[in-house]
Amino acid sequence: MLEVSKENGPTGKRAERSRQAIVTAAGEVFVREGFEASMDQVAAAAGVSKVTVYNHFRTKEDLFTEVVGQAMGEAHTTMAEVRAHLAGTADVRDALLHTARVLLAAATDPSRLALRNLVTGELRRFPELGRAYQERGPARSASALGELFGDLCGRGLLEIADVEVAVIQFFSLTIYPHLIAGSIGGEFPRDLTERLVTEGVDLFLSRYRRKR
C-alpha cells in the first residue's frame, strides 16, 4: 500500500535548493528508467546523498507525487494566465482558440507527456500513482477550464447548462486525440493539429455559443 507522507522535510534556503534539485533529477530519472528507478539513482543525478533524499521524501511514492505536482503546477499557472488574458476579449471564438492552443502545448510538452505515459504504464502495479496524477493534473485542469467557461457564460458569450460535460467535450475535441497518439509514440503534423483545434472549437461553439 502506497502512503503519502504528511511530514515536513528540512527547511531553509539551502534545504529548498536541495529539495528542488532532487525533484528535478527525479523527474528525469523516472522518465528515463521508469518507476523501478532507485533512490540511489535519484540521489546521484541530483548530486546529493541518499540520506538527503530521504530527509525530504520518506518514500519513492512521495517523491513521485511531488514530481507530478510540480509538472502539473506549471500547467495550472498557465491556465491562470489564460483567464487573465481573456478577461478583456469579446471574441469568444478567439478566446477558445487561444485556450485550446495553450492547453494543447501544455499537454503535449514532451516531459509532461512522458510523465503521463509513465503513470499509465504503472497503473496495474501502482494504482495510487494514477490517483495522485489525476488529482494533481487532469482534475485540476478540468476545474480551471470549468471556471473559464463560467467566466464566459457570465459575460453572455457562452450558454452552458452542464459545465462538467462541456469540459469533457472541449478536451475531447481539441486535446485528447493528441494524448492518444502520444501514448503510442506518435504525433500529428502541424497542419492537422491546427485543423483539429479550429474545427474542434467551431464544433464546440455550434453547441454552446449564446444565441442572440
N, C-alpha and C. Protein backbone atom coordinates (compact mmCIF):
# COMPACT_ATOMS: atom_id res chain seq x y z
N MET A 1 0.85 -1.19 0.00
CA MET A 1 0.00 0.00 0.00
C MET A 1 0.88 1.24 0.00
N LEU A 2 0.66 2.13 -0.95
CA LEU A 2 1.45 3.35 -1.01
C LEU A 2 0.92 4.36 -0.01
N GLU A 3 1.84 5.15 0.58
CA GLU A 3 1.45 6.17 1.52
C GLU A 3 2.10 7.48 1.12
N VAL A 4 1.38 8.56 1.32
CA VAL A 4 1.94 9.89 1.05
C VAL A 4 2.28 10.54 2.37
N SER A 5 3.50 10.89 2.54
CA SER A 5 3.96 11.46 3.80
C SER A 5 3.34 12.83 4.04
N LYS A 6 2.95 13.08 5.28
CA LYS A 6 2.43 14.39 5.67
C LYS A 6 3.46 15.17 6.48
N GLU A 7 4.62 14.59 6.67
CA GLU A 7 5.63 15.24 7.50
C GLU A 7 6.39 16.27 6.69
N ASN A 8 6.83 17.30 7.38
CA ASN A 8 7.62 18.34 6.73
C ASN A 8 9.08 17.92 6.67
N GLY A 9 9.75 18.23 5.57
CA GLY A 9 11.17 17.94 5.44
C GLY A 9 11.99 19.09 5.98
N PRO A 10 13.29 19.07 5.71
CA PRO A 10 14.17 20.17 6.14
C PRO A 10 13.70 21.51 5.57
N THR A 11 14.01 22.56 6.29
CA THR A 11 13.60 23.90 5.85
C THR A 11 14.83 24.78 5.67
N GLY A 12 14.61 25.96 5.10
CA GLY A 12 15.70 26.88 4.85
C GLY A 12 16.05 26.92 3.38
N LYS A 13 16.77 27.97 2.97
CA LYS A 13 17.08 28.17 1.55
C LYS A 13 17.94 27.04 0.99
N ARG A 14 18.93 26.61 1.77
CA ARG A 14 19.80 25.53 1.29
C ARG A 14 19.00 24.24 1.12
N ALA A 15 18.16 23.96 2.09
CA ALA A 15 17.33 22.76 2.02
C ALA A 15 16.37 22.82 0.83
N GLU A 16 15.85 24.01 0.56
CA GLU A 16 14.93 24.16 -0.56
C GLU A 16 15.64 23.94 -1.88
N ARG A 17 16.87 24.41 -1.98
CA ARG A 17 17.65 24.17 -3.20
C ARG A 17 17.89 22.68 -3.40
N SER A 18 18.22 22.00 -2.32
CA SER A 18 18.44 20.55 -2.40
C SER A 18 17.16 19.83 -2.80
N ARG A 19 16.06 20.24 -2.19
CA ARG A 19 14.77 19.61 -2.49
C ARG A 19 14.42 19.77 -3.97
N GLN A 20 14.62 20.99 -4.49
CA GLN A 20 14.27 21.23 -5.89
C GLN A 20 15.20 20.45 -6.82
N ALA A 21 16.47 20.35 -6.45
CA ALA A 21 17.40 19.56 -7.26
C ALA A 21 16.98 18.09 -7.30
N ILE A 22 16.50 17.61 -6.17
CA ILE A 22 16.05 16.21 -6.09
C ILE A 22 14.82 16.00 -6.97
N VAL A 23 13.86 16.92 -6.90
CA VAL A 23 12.64 16.78 -7.69
C VAL A 23 12.94 16.84 -9.18
N THR A 24 13.78 17.79 -9.57
CA THR A 24 14.15 17.91 -10.99
C THR A 24 14.84 16.66 -11.49
N ALA A 25 15.80 16.18 -10.71
CA ALA A 25 16.53 14.97 -11.10
C ALA A 25 15.60 13.77 -11.13
N ALA A 26 14.71 13.68 -10.16
CA ALA A 26 13.79 12.54 -10.10
C ALA A 26 12.89 12.49 -11.33
N GLY A 27 12.42 13.65 -11.77
CA GLY A 27 11.59 13.68 -12.97
C GLY A 27 12.32 13.09 -14.16
N GLU A 28 13.58 13.46 -14.31
CA GLU A 28 14.37 12.95 -15.44
C GLU A 28 14.64 11.45 -15.29
N VAL A 29 14.97 11.02 -14.07
CA VAL A 29 15.28 9.61 -13.83
C VAL A 29 14.04 8.73 -14.01
N PHE A 30 12.90 9.17 -13.47
CA PHE A 30 11.67 8.38 -13.61
C PHE A 30 11.28 8.22 -15.07
N VAL A 31 11.37 9.30 -15.82
CA VAL A 31 11.01 9.23 -17.24
C VAL A 31 11.95 8.30 -17.99
N ARG A 32 13.22 8.35 -17.64
CA ARG A 32 14.22 7.53 -18.35
C ARG A 32 14.18 6.06 -17.92
N GLU A 33 14.04 5.81 -16.62
CA GLU A 33 14.17 4.46 -16.09
C GLU A 33 12.85 3.81 -15.70
N GLY A 34 11.78 4.61 -15.63
CA GLY A 34 10.52 4.07 -15.13
C GLY A 34 10.47 4.14 -13.62
N PHE A 35 9.35 3.68 -13.05
CA PHE A 35 9.18 3.78 -11.60
C PHE A 35 10.08 2.79 -10.86
N GLU A 36 10.72 1.88 -11.59
CA GLU A 36 11.68 0.96 -10.97
C GLU A 36 12.97 1.68 -10.58
N ALA A 37 13.16 2.90 -11.03
CA ALA A 37 14.37 3.65 -10.69
C ALA A 37 14.54 3.68 -9.18
N SER A 38 15.78 3.63 -8.74
CA SER A 38 16.07 3.60 -7.31
C SER A 38 16.33 5.01 -6.78
N MET A 39 16.19 5.15 -5.48
CA MET A 39 16.51 6.41 -4.84
C MET A 39 18.02 6.70 -4.94
N ASP A 40 18.82 5.65 -5.05
CA ASP A 40 20.26 5.86 -5.28
C ASP A 40 20.49 6.58 -6.60
N GLN A 41 19.76 6.17 -7.63
CA GLN A 41 19.89 6.82 -8.94
C GLN A 41 19.46 8.27 -8.87
N VAL A 42 18.37 8.53 -8.15
CA VAL A 42 17.89 9.90 -8.00
C VAL A 42 18.94 10.74 -7.27
N ALA A 43 19.48 10.20 -6.19
CA ALA A 43 20.48 10.93 -5.41
C ALA A 43 21.70 11.26 -6.26
N ALA A 44 22.17 10.28 -7.05
CA ALA A 44 23.34 10.51 -7.90
C ALA A 44 23.06 11.59 -8.93
N ALA A 45 21.86 11.55 -9.53
CA ALA A 45 21.50 12.54 -10.54
C ALA A 45 21.37 13.93 -9.95
N ALA A 46 20.94 14.01 -8.69
CA ALA A 46 20.75 15.30 -8.02
C ALA A 46 22.04 15.81 -7.40
N GLY A 47 23.06 14.95 -7.28
CA GLY A 47 24.31 15.36 -6.66
C GLY A 47 24.21 15.49 -5.16
N VAL A 48 23.37 14.65 -4.54
CA VAL A 48 23.22 14.66 -3.09
C VAL A 48 23.31 13.22 -2.60
N SER A 49 23.34 13.05 -1.29
CA SER A 49 23.37 11.70 -0.73
C SER A 49 21.97 11.12 -0.68
N LYS A 50 21.90 9.78 -0.58
CA LYS A 50 20.59 9.15 -0.45
C LYS A 50 19.92 9.56 0.86
N VAL A 51 20.71 9.79 1.88
CA VAL A 51 20.15 10.25 3.15
C VAL A 51 19.43 11.58 2.97
N THR A 52 20.04 12.47 2.18
CA THR A 52 19.40 13.76 1.91
C THR A 52 18.08 13.58 1.19
N VAL A 53 18.02 12.67 0.23
CA VAL A 53 16.77 12.40 -0.47
C VAL A 53 15.71 11.96 0.52
N TYR A 54 16.06 11.03 1.40
CA TYR A 54 15.08 10.52 2.36
C TYR A 54 14.74 11.54 3.44
N ASN A 55 15.61 12.50 3.68
CA ASN A 55 15.27 13.58 4.61
C ASN A 55 14.11 14.41 4.08
N HIS A 56 14.04 14.52 2.76
CA HIS A 56 12.99 15.33 2.13
C HIS A 56 11.76 14.49 1.75
N PHE A 57 11.98 13.25 1.36
CA PHE A 57 10.87 12.40 0.88
C PHE A 57 11.00 11.02 1.52
N ARG A 58 9.98 10.67 2.32
CA ARG A 58 10.06 9.43 3.09
C ARG A 58 10.02 8.19 2.19
N THR A 59 9.28 8.28 1.07
CA THR A 59 9.16 7.15 0.17
C THR A 59 9.33 7.61 -1.28
N LYS A 60 9.55 6.67 -2.15
CA LYS A 60 9.65 6.98 -3.57
C LYS A 60 8.31 7.48 -4.10
N GLU A 61 7.21 6.99 -3.52
CA GLU A 61 5.89 7.45 -3.94
C GLU A 61 5.67 8.91 -3.59
N ASP A 62 6.16 9.32 -2.40
CA ASP A 62 6.10 10.74 -2.02
C ASP A 62 6.83 11.60 -3.05
N LEU A 63 8.01 11.14 -3.43
CA LEU A 63 8.83 11.90 -4.38
C LEU A 63 8.15 11.96 -5.74
N PHE A 64 7.60 10.85 -6.19
CA PHE A 64 6.93 10.84 -7.48
C PHE A 64 5.73 11.79 -7.47
N THR A 65 4.97 11.78 -6.38
CA THR A 65 3.81 12.67 -6.27
C THR A 65 4.23 14.13 -6.37
N GLU A 66 5.36 14.46 -5.77
CA GLU A 66 5.86 15.85 -5.85
C GLU A 66 6.30 16.19 -7.27
N VAL A 67 6.93 15.23 -7.96
CA VAL A 67 7.31 15.45 -9.36
C VAL A 67 6.08 15.76 -10.19
N VAL A 68 5.03 14.96 -10.02
CA VAL A 68 3.78 15.18 -10.74
C VAL A 68 3.19 16.53 -10.39
N GLY A 69 3.16 16.84 -9.10
CA GLY A 69 2.57 18.09 -8.66
C GLY A 69 3.24 19.30 -9.26
N GLN A 70 4.57 19.29 -9.31
CA GLN A 70 5.28 20.43 -9.89
C GLN A 70 5.07 20.52 -11.39
N ALA A 71 5.07 19.38 -12.07
CA ALA A 71 4.84 19.39 -13.51
C ALA A 71 3.46 19.93 -13.84
N MET A 72 2.48 19.50 -13.09
CA MET A 72 1.11 19.95 -13.32
C MET A 72 0.92 21.39 -12.85
N GLY A 73 1.65 21.78 -11.82
CA GLY A 73 1.53 23.15 -11.31
C GLY A 73 1.89 24.18 -12.36
N GLU A 74 2.88 23.86 -13.18
CA GLU A 74 3.25 24.78 -14.26
C GLU A 74 2.09 24.96 -15.24
N ALA A 75 1.39 23.87 -15.52
CA ALA A 75 0.25 23.95 -16.43
C ALA A 75 -0.88 24.78 -15.82
N HIS A 76 -1.08 24.66 -14.51
CA HIS A 76 -2.16 25.42 -13.88
C HIS A 76 -1.84 26.91 -13.81
N THR A 77 -0.57 27.24 -13.64
CA THR A 77 -0.17 28.65 -13.70
C THR A 77 -0.48 29.21 -15.07
N THR A 78 -0.24 28.41 -16.10
CA THR A 78 -0.54 28.83 -17.46
C THR A 78 -2.03 29.09 -17.63
N MET A 79 -2.88 28.24 -17.05
CA MET A 79 -4.32 28.44 -17.15
C MET A 79 -4.76 29.74 -16.46
N ALA A 80 -4.14 30.06 -15.34
CA ALA A 80 -4.45 31.32 -14.66
C ALA A 80 -4.10 32.50 -15.56
N GLU A 81 -2.99 32.39 -16.27
CA GLU A 81 -2.60 33.46 -17.19
C GLU A 81 -3.58 33.56 -18.36
N VAL A 82 -4.08 32.41 -18.80
CA VAL A 82 -5.08 32.42 -19.89
C VAL A 82 -6.33 33.14 -19.44
N ARG A 83 -6.81 32.87 -18.25
CA ARG A 83 -8.02 33.55 -17.75
C ARG A 83 -7.81 35.05 -17.68
N ALA A 84 -6.63 35.47 -17.24
CA ALA A 84 -6.34 36.90 -17.17
C ALA A 84 -6.30 37.51 -18.58
N HIS A 85 -5.71 36.76 -19.51
CA HIS A 85 -5.60 37.24 -20.90
C HIS A 85 -6.97 37.42 -21.53
N LEU A 86 -7.91 36.52 -21.19
CA LEU A 86 -9.22 36.53 -21.82
C LEU A 86 -10.21 37.49 -21.17
N ALA A 87 -9.79 38.08 -20.06
CA ALA A 87 -10.73 38.91 -19.30
C ALA A 87 -11.30 40.06 -20.12
N GLY A 88 -10.51 40.57 -21.06
CA GLY A 88 -10.98 41.75 -21.79
C GLY A 88 -11.50 41.48 -23.19
N THR A 89 -11.52 40.22 -23.63
CA THR A 89 -11.92 39.96 -25.01
C THR A 89 -13.42 39.70 -25.13
N ALA A 90 -14.01 40.15 -26.22
CA ALA A 90 -15.42 39.88 -26.50
C ALA A 90 -15.57 38.88 -27.65
N ASP A 91 -14.45 38.42 -28.18
CA ASP A 91 -14.45 37.47 -29.29
C ASP A 91 -14.32 36.07 -28.70
N VAL A 92 -15.44 35.37 -28.53
CA VAL A 92 -15.43 34.09 -27.84
C VAL A 92 -14.67 33.04 -28.64
N ARG A 93 -14.74 33.10 -29.96
CA ARG A 93 -14.01 32.12 -30.77
C ARG A 93 -12.50 32.30 -30.58
N ASP A 94 -12.04 33.52 -30.64
CA ASP A 94 -10.62 33.79 -30.42
C ASP A 94 -10.21 33.35 -29.02
N ALA A 95 -11.08 33.58 -28.04
CA ALA A 95 -10.79 33.19 -26.67
C ALA A 95 -10.60 31.68 -26.55
N LEU A 96 -11.49 30.92 -27.17
CA LEU A 96 -11.41 29.46 -27.06
C LEU A 96 -10.27 28.89 -27.90
N LEU A 97 -9.98 29.50 -29.04
CA LEU A 97 -8.82 29.06 -29.82
C LEU A 97 -7.53 29.26 -29.03
N HIS A 98 -7.42 30.42 -28.39
CA HIS A 98 -6.24 30.69 -27.57
C HIS A 98 -6.14 29.67 -26.43
N THR A 99 -7.27 29.40 -25.79
CA THR A 99 -7.29 28.44 -24.68
C THR A 99 -6.87 27.06 -25.15
N ALA A 100 -7.45 26.61 -26.27
CA ALA A 100 -7.14 25.27 -26.77
C ALA A 100 -5.66 25.14 -27.12
N ARG A 101 -5.08 26.16 -27.73
CA ARG A 101 -3.68 26.09 -28.12
C ARG A 101 -2.76 26.05 -26.90
N VAL A 102 -3.11 26.82 -25.88
CA VAL A 102 -2.30 26.82 -24.66
C VAL A 102 -2.40 25.46 -23.96
N LEU A 103 -3.62 24.94 -23.85
CA LEU A 103 -3.81 23.63 -23.22
C LEU A 103 -3.08 22.53 -23.99
N LEU A 104 -3.15 22.61 -25.30
CA LEU A 104 -2.51 21.60 -26.15
C LEU A 104 -0.99 21.64 -25.99
N ALA A 105 -0.44 22.84 -25.95
CA ALA A 105 1.01 22.98 -25.77
C ALA A 105 1.45 22.38 -24.44
N ALA A 106 0.64 22.61 -23.40
CA ALA A 106 0.98 22.07 -22.08
C ALA A 106 0.85 20.55 -22.06
N ALA A 107 -0.23 20.03 -22.67
CA ALA A 107 -0.49 18.60 -22.63
C ALA A 107 0.52 17.80 -23.44
N THR A 108 1.04 18.39 -24.51
CA THR A 108 1.97 17.66 -25.38
C THR A 108 3.43 18.02 -25.14
N ASP A 109 3.69 18.81 -24.10
CA ASP A 109 5.07 19.06 -23.72
C ASP A 109 5.75 17.71 -23.49
N PRO A 110 6.89 17.46 -24.11
CA PRO A 110 7.50 16.12 -24.04
C PRO A 110 7.68 15.58 -22.63
N SER A 111 8.10 16.43 -21.69
CA SER A 111 8.33 15.94 -20.33
C SER A 111 7.03 15.56 -19.65
N ARG A 112 5.96 16.35 -19.85
CA ARG A 112 4.67 16.01 -19.24
C ARG A 112 4.06 14.78 -19.90
N LEU A 113 4.21 14.68 -21.21
CA LEU A 113 3.67 13.53 -21.92
C LEU A 113 4.39 12.25 -21.48
N ALA A 114 5.70 12.33 -21.31
CA ALA A 114 6.46 11.17 -20.84
C ALA A 114 6.03 10.78 -19.43
N LEU A 115 5.78 11.77 -18.59
CA LEU A 115 5.33 11.50 -17.22
C LEU A 115 3.96 10.83 -17.23
N ARG A 116 3.08 11.32 -18.08
CA ARG A 116 1.75 10.71 -18.19
C ARG A 116 1.86 9.26 -18.65
N ASN A 117 2.69 9.01 -19.64
CA ASN A 117 2.85 7.65 -20.15
C ASN A 117 3.45 6.74 -19.09
N LEU A 118 4.33 7.28 -18.25
CA LEU A 118 4.90 6.50 -17.16
C LEU A 118 3.80 6.09 -16.18
N VAL A 119 2.93 7.03 -15.84
CA VAL A 119 1.85 6.73 -14.91
C VAL A 119 0.94 5.65 -15.47
N THR A 120 0.52 5.79 -16.72
CA THR A 120 -0.39 4.81 -17.31
C THR A 120 0.28 3.44 -17.40
N GLY A 121 1.59 3.41 -17.60
CA GLY A 121 2.30 2.15 -17.68
C GLY A 121 2.41 1.43 -16.35
N GLU A 122 2.28 2.19 -15.24
CA GLU A 122 2.43 1.62 -13.92
C GLU A 122 1.10 1.43 -13.19
N LEU A 123 -0.02 1.69 -13.86
CA LEU A 123 -1.32 1.69 -13.17
C LEU A 123 -1.66 0.34 -12.55
N ARG A 124 -1.34 -0.75 -13.23
CA ARG A 124 -1.72 -2.06 -12.70
C ARG A 124 -1.00 -2.36 -11.39
N ARG A 125 0.27 -2.03 -11.32
CA ARG A 125 1.04 -2.32 -10.11
C ARG A 125 0.86 -1.25 -9.04
N PHE A 126 0.70 0.01 -9.47
CA PHE A 126 0.63 1.11 -8.52
C PHE A 126 -0.55 2.03 -8.84
N PRO A 127 -1.78 1.58 -8.59
CA PRO A 127 -2.95 2.42 -8.91
C PRO A 127 -2.95 3.74 -8.17
N GLU A 128 -2.27 3.79 -7.00
CA GLU A 128 -2.23 5.04 -6.25
C GLU A 128 -1.52 6.15 -7.02
N LEU A 129 -0.55 5.77 -7.87
CA LEU A 129 0.13 6.78 -8.67
C LEU A 129 -0.85 7.42 -9.65
N GLY A 130 -1.73 6.61 -10.22
CA GLY A 130 -2.75 7.14 -11.12
C GLY A 130 -3.68 8.10 -10.42
N ARG A 131 -4.07 7.76 -9.21
CA ARG A 131 -4.96 8.66 -8.46
C ARG A 131 -4.26 9.97 -8.13
N ALA A 132 -2.98 9.87 -7.75
CA ALA A 132 -2.23 11.10 -7.45
C ALA A 132 -2.12 11.97 -8.70
N TYR A 133 -1.83 11.33 -9.83
CA TYR A 133 -1.72 12.08 -11.09
C TYR A 133 -3.05 12.73 -11.45
N GLN A 134 -4.14 11.98 -11.31
CA GLN A 134 -5.46 12.50 -11.65
C GLN A 134 -5.82 13.71 -10.79
N GLU A 135 -5.55 13.61 -9.50
CA GLU A 135 -5.90 14.70 -8.58
C GLU A 135 -5.04 15.94 -8.82
N ARG A 136 -3.76 15.74 -9.07
CA ARG A 136 -2.85 16.88 -9.22
C ARG A 136 -2.85 17.44 -10.64
N GLY A 137 -3.29 16.63 -11.61
CA GLY A 137 -3.23 17.05 -13.00
C GLY A 137 -4.57 17.26 -13.66
N PRO A 138 -5.13 16.22 -14.33
CA PRO A 138 -6.36 16.39 -15.10
C PRO A 138 -7.53 16.96 -14.32
N ALA A 139 -7.71 16.56 -13.07
CA ALA A 139 -8.85 17.06 -12.29
C ALA A 139 -8.73 18.57 -12.09
N ARG A 140 -7.53 19.05 -11.80
CA ARG A 140 -7.34 20.49 -11.60
C ARG A 140 -7.46 21.25 -12.91
N SER A 141 -6.98 20.66 -14.00
CA SER A 141 -7.12 21.31 -15.30
C SER A 141 -8.59 21.43 -15.70
N ALA A 142 -9.35 20.37 -15.43
CA ALA A 142 -10.78 20.40 -15.74
C ALA A 142 -11.49 21.46 -14.92
N SER A 143 -11.11 21.58 -13.65
CA SER A 143 -11.71 22.60 -12.79
C SER A 143 -11.40 24.00 -13.30
N ALA A 144 -10.14 24.22 -13.71
CA ALA A 144 -9.74 25.54 -14.22
C ALA A 144 -10.48 25.88 -15.51
N LEU A 145 -10.64 24.89 -16.38
CA LEU A 145 -11.37 25.14 -17.63
C LEU A 145 -12.84 25.41 -17.34
N GLY A 146 -13.40 24.70 -16.37
CA GLY A 146 -14.79 24.97 -15.99
C GLY A 146 -14.97 26.38 -15.47
N GLU A 147 -14.01 26.87 -14.71
CA GLU A 147 -14.07 28.25 -14.22
C GLU A 147 -14.00 29.24 -15.38
N LEU A 148 -13.15 28.93 -16.37
CA LEU A 148 -13.05 29.80 -17.54
C LEU A 148 -14.38 29.83 -18.30
N PHE A 149 -15.01 28.67 -18.47
CA PHE A 149 -16.32 28.63 -19.11
C PHE A 149 -17.34 29.43 -18.30
N GLY A 150 -17.22 29.34 -16.98
CA GLY A 150 -18.12 30.13 -16.14
C GLY A 150 -17.95 31.62 -16.36
N ASP A 151 -16.70 32.05 -16.52
CA ASP A 151 -16.43 33.46 -16.82
C ASP A 151 -17.12 33.87 -18.12
N LEU A 152 -16.96 33.03 -19.17
CA LEU A 152 -17.52 33.36 -20.48
C LEU A 152 -19.04 33.31 -20.47
N CYS A 153 -19.60 32.40 -19.69
CA CYS A 153 -21.07 32.36 -19.55
C CYS A 153 -21.56 33.61 -18.82
N GLY A 154 -20.83 34.01 -17.78
CA GLY A 154 -21.22 35.19 -17.02
C GLY A 154 -21.20 36.45 -17.84
N ARG A 155 -20.39 36.47 -18.88
CA ARG A 155 -20.30 37.65 -19.76
C ARG A 155 -21.24 37.52 -20.95
N GLY A 156 -22.04 36.47 -20.97
CA GLY A 156 -23.02 36.31 -22.04
C GLY A 156 -22.46 35.82 -23.35
N LEU A 157 -21.26 35.21 -23.33
CA LEU A 157 -20.65 34.73 -24.56
C LEU A 157 -20.93 33.25 -24.82
N LEU A 158 -21.13 32.49 -23.76
CA LEU A 158 -21.49 31.09 -23.87
C LEU A 158 -22.75 30.82 -23.07
N GLU A 159 -23.42 29.75 -23.41
CA GLU A 159 -24.60 29.31 -22.66
C GLU A 159 -24.47 27.81 -22.42
N ILE A 160 -24.07 27.44 -21.19
CA ILE A 160 -23.78 26.05 -20.86
C ILE A 160 -24.59 25.63 -19.65
N ALA A 161 -25.40 24.60 -19.82
CA ALA A 161 -26.21 24.10 -18.71
C ALA A 161 -25.42 23.12 -17.85
N ASP A 162 -24.58 22.30 -18.48
CA ASP A 162 -23.80 21.28 -17.76
C ASP A 162 -22.32 21.51 -18.05
N VAL A 163 -21.67 22.24 -17.17
CA VAL A 163 -20.27 22.60 -17.38
C VAL A 163 -19.37 21.37 -17.37
N GLU A 164 -19.67 20.41 -16.51
CA GLU A 164 -18.84 19.20 -16.44
C GLU A 164 -18.79 18.48 -17.78
N VAL A 165 -19.95 18.34 -18.42
CA VAL A 165 -20.00 17.70 -19.73
C VAL A 165 -19.28 18.56 -20.77
N ALA A 166 -19.48 19.87 -20.72
CA ALA A 166 -18.86 20.77 -21.69
C ALA A 166 -17.33 20.71 -21.61
N VAL A 167 -16.79 20.60 -20.41
CA VAL A 167 -15.35 20.50 -20.23
C VAL A 167 -14.82 19.23 -20.91
N ILE A 168 -15.48 18.11 -20.68
CA ILE A 168 -15.04 16.85 -21.29
C ILE A 168 -15.14 16.94 -22.81
N GLN A 169 -16.20 17.55 -23.30
CA GLN A 169 -16.36 17.69 -24.75
C GLN A 169 -15.26 18.56 -25.35
N PHE A 170 -14.91 19.65 -24.68
CA PHE A 170 -13.86 20.53 -25.20
C PHE A 170 -12.52 19.81 -25.25
N PHE A 171 -12.18 19.11 -24.18
CA PHE A 171 -10.94 18.34 -24.17
C PHE A 171 -10.96 17.27 -25.27
N SER A 172 -12.12 16.62 -25.44
CA SER A 172 -12.22 15.55 -26.43
C SER A 172 -12.02 16.07 -27.85
N LEU A 173 -12.51 17.26 -28.12
CA LEU A 173 -12.43 17.83 -29.46
C LEU A 173 -11.05 18.39 -29.79
N THR A 174 -10.32 18.81 -28.78
CA THR A 174 -9.08 19.55 -29.05
C THR A 174 -7.80 18.92 -28.49
N ILE A 175 -7.88 18.17 -27.39
CA ILE A 175 -6.69 17.70 -26.69
C ILE A 175 -6.52 16.18 -26.73
N TYR A 176 -7.59 15.45 -26.45
CA TYR A 176 -7.47 14.01 -26.25
C TYR A 176 -6.87 13.24 -27.44
N PRO A 177 -7.19 13.60 -28.69
CA PRO A 177 -6.57 12.85 -29.80
C PRO A 177 -5.05 12.87 -29.75
N HIS A 178 -4.47 13.98 -29.28
CA HIS A 178 -3.01 14.10 -29.21
C HIS A 178 -2.45 13.23 -28.08
N LEU A 179 -3.21 13.10 -26.98
CA LEU A 179 -2.76 12.26 -25.88
C LEU A 179 -2.78 10.79 -26.29
N ILE A 180 -3.80 10.40 -27.06
CA ILE A 180 -3.86 9.02 -27.54
C ILE A 180 -2.69 8.73 -28.47
N ALA A 181 -2.44 9.64 -29.40
CA ALA A 181 -1.31 9.46 -30.32
C ALA A 181 0.01 9.43 -29.55
N GLY A 182 0.15 10.33 -28.57
CA GLY A 182 1.38 10.40 -27.80
C GLY A 182 1.62 9.16 -26.95
N SER A 183 0.55 8.46 -26.56
CA SER A 183 0.71 7.27 -25.72
C SER A 183 1.34 6.11 -26.48
N ILE A 184 1.33 6.18 -27.82
CA ILE A 184 1.97 5.14 -28.63
C ILE A 184 3.14 5.71 -29.44
N GLY A 185 3.65 6.85 -28.97
CA GLY A 185 4.83 7.43 -29.58
C GLY A 185 4.61 8.20 -30.85
N GLY A 186 3.35 8.54 -31.15
CA GLY A 186 3.06 9.27 -32.37
C GLY A 186 2.74 10.73 -32.11
N GLU A 187 2.60 11.48 -33.18
CA GLU A 187 2.16 12.87 -33.10
C GLU A 187 1.57 13.28 -34.44
N PHE A 188 0.72 14.29 -34.39
CA PHE A 188 0.07 14.76 -35.61
C PHE A 188 0.92 15.84 -36.27
N PRO A 189 0.87 15.92 -37.61
CA PRO A 189 1.54 17.03 -38.30
C PRO A 189 0.96 18.37 -37.85
N ARG A 190 1.73 19.42 -38.00
CA ARG A 190 1.30 20.73 -37.51
C ARG A 190 0.01 21.20 -38.16
N ASP A 191 -0.14 20.97 -39.47
CA ASP A 191 -1.35 21.45 -40.13
C ASP A 191 -2.58 20.70 -39.65
N LEU A 192 -2.45 19.39 -39.38
CA LEU A 192 -3.59 18.63 -38.86
C LEU A 192 -3.91 19.05 -37.43
N THR A 193 -2.87 19.33 -36.66
CA THR A 193 -3.07 19.82 -35.29
C THR A 193 -3.90 21.10 -35.29
N GLU A 194 -3.55 22.03 -36.17
CA GLU A 194 -4.28 23.30 -36.23
C GLU A 194 -5.72 23.08 -36.70
N ARG A 195 -5.92 22.18 -37.64
CA ARG A 195 -7.28 21.91 -38.10
C ARG A 195 -8.12 21.27 -37.00
N LEU A 196 -7.52 20.39 -36.24
CA LEU A 196 -8.25 19.79 -35.12
C LEU A 196 -8.66 20.85 -34.10
N VAL A 197 -7.77 21.79 -33.84
CA VAL A 197 -8.10 22.85 -32.88
C VAL A 197 -9.21 23.75 -33.41
N THR A 198 -9.06 24.24 -34.62
CA THR A 198 -10.05 25.18 -35.15
C THR A 198 -11.41 24.51 -35.39
N GLU A 199 -11.39 23.31 -35.97
CA GLU A 199 -12.65 22.61 -36.19
C GLU A 199 -13.29 22.20 -34.87
N GLY A 200 -12.45 21.82 -33.91
CA GLY A 200 -12.98 21.44 -32.60
C GLY A 200 -13.65 22.61 -31.90
N VAL A 201 -13.01 23.77 -31.92
CA VAL A 201 -13.59 24.96 -31.30
C VAL A 201 -14.88 25.36 -32.02
N ASP A 202 -14.88 25.32 -33.34
CA ASP A 202 -16.09 25.69 -34.08
C ASP A 202 -17.24 24.74 -33.78
N LEU A 203 -16.94 23.45 -33.66
CA LEU A 203 -17.98 22.48 -33.32
C LEU A 203 -18.50 22.73 -31.91
N PHE A 204 -17.59 23.03 -30.99
CA PHE A 204 -17.98 23.34 -29.61
C PHE A 204 -18.89 24.57 -29.58
N LEU A 205 -18.53 25.59 -30.34
CA LEU A 205 -19.33 26.82 -30.36
C LEU A 205 -20.69 26.62 -31.02
N SER A 206 -20.76 25.69 -31.96
CA SER A 206 -22.06 25.43 -32.59
C SER A 206 -23.06 24.91 -31.57
N ARG A 207 -22.55 24.34 -30.49
CA ARG A 207 -23.43 23.85 -29.42
C ARG A 207 -23.60 24.87 -28.30
N TYR A 208 -22.57 25.62 -27.97
CA TYR A 208 -22.59 26.41 -26.74
C TYR A 208 -22.52 27.93 -26.92
N ARG A 209 -22.31 28.42 -28.12
CA ARG A 209 -22.32 29.89 -28.27
C ARG A 209 -23.72 30.41 -27.94
N ARG A 210 -23.75 31.46 -27.17
CA ARG A 210 -25.05 32.01 -26.77
C ARG A 210 -25.75 32.60 -27.98
N LYS A 211 -27.01 32.22 -28.19
CA LYS A 211 -27.80 32.73 -29.28
C LYS A 211 -28.29 34.13 -28.96
N ARG A 212 -28.11 35.03 -29.88
CA ARG A 212 -28.52 36.43 -29.62
C ARG A 212 -29.83 36.74 -30.35
